[in-house]
Amino acid sequence: MLHYAVVFFVIALIAALFGFSGIAAGAAGIAKILFVVFLVMAIASFVVNLLRGR
């Protein structure tokens, strides 16, 4: 998940560099969503791991 977020971030940077602001905004939005999903899944995994250890 984090890998895809980084890929879309790089696509957004390259698109912004070449002046494609619409594509850059879309790719940056997708990267933000993927990063938030990654954080939620990482935190959920951490909490489940803590609870299972007891």
Protein backbone atom coordinates (compact mmCIF):
# COMPACT_ATOMS: atom_id res chain seq x y z
CA MET A 1 0.00 0.00 0.00
CA LEU A 2 2.79 2.39 0.90
CA HIS A 3 4.59 1.47 -2.30
CA TYR A 4 1.60 2.55 -4.41
CA ALA A 5 1.30 5.80 -2.45
CA VAL A 6 4.94 6.60 -3.24
CA VAL A 7 4.43 5.68 -6.90
CA PHE A 8 1.46 8.03 -7.25
CA PHE A 9 3.41 10.76 -5.44
CA VAL A 10 6.25 10.43 -7.94
CA ILE A 11 3.75 10.50 -10.82
CA ALA A 12 2.26 13.68 -9.34
CA LEU A 13 5.70 15.29 -9.11
CA ILE A 14 6.58 14.40 -12.69
CA ALA A 15 3.20 15.58 -13.99
CA ALA A 16 3.56 18.87 -12.10
CA LEU A 17 7.05 19.31 -13.51
CA PHE A 18 5.70 19.05 -17.06
CA GLY A 19 2.74 21.32 -16.36
CA PHE A 20 -0.08 18.78 -16.20
CA SER A 21 -1.74 20.27 -13.13
CA GLY A 22 -4.96 18.23 -13.41
CA ILE A 23 -3.14 14.93 -13.57
CA ALA A 24 -0.78 16.03 -10.80
CA ALA A 25 -3.70 16.95 -8.52
CA GLY A 26 -5.42 13.65 -9.20
CA ALA A 27 -2.31 11.59 -8.57
CA ALA A 28 -1.57 13.54 -5.38
CA GLY A 29 -5.13 12.93 -4.16
CA ILE A 30 -4.82 9.21 -4.81
CA ALA A 31 -1.45 9.15 -3.03
CA LYS A 32 -2.99 10.84 0.03
CA ILE A 33 -5.86 8.36 0.15
CA LEU A 34 -3.52 5.38 -0.17
CA PHE A 35 -1.27 6.75 2.56
CA VAL A 36 -4.21 7.19 4.93
CA VAL A 37 -5.40 3.64 4.17
CA PHE A 38 -1.87 2.41 4.89
CA LEU A 39 -1.80 4.24 8.23
CA VAL A 40 -5.19 2.87 9.27
CA MET A 41 -4.19 -0.67 8.37
CA ALA A 42 -0.82 -0.35 10.15
CA ILE A 43 -2.43 0.97 13.33
CA ALA A 44 -5.14 -1.72 13.23
CA SER A 45 -2.49 -4.39 12.78
CA PHE A 46 -0.49 -3.00 15.69
CA VAL A 47 -3.53 -2.96 17.99
CA VAL A 48 -4.61 -6.49 17.03
CA ASN A 49 -1.05 -7.70 17.59
CA LEU A 50 -1.01 -6.14 21.06
CA LEU A 51 -4.33 -7.68 22.00
CA ARG A 52 -3.40 -11.10 20.67
CA GLY A 53 -0.18 -11.12 22.72
CA ARG A 54 -2.09 -11.23 26.03
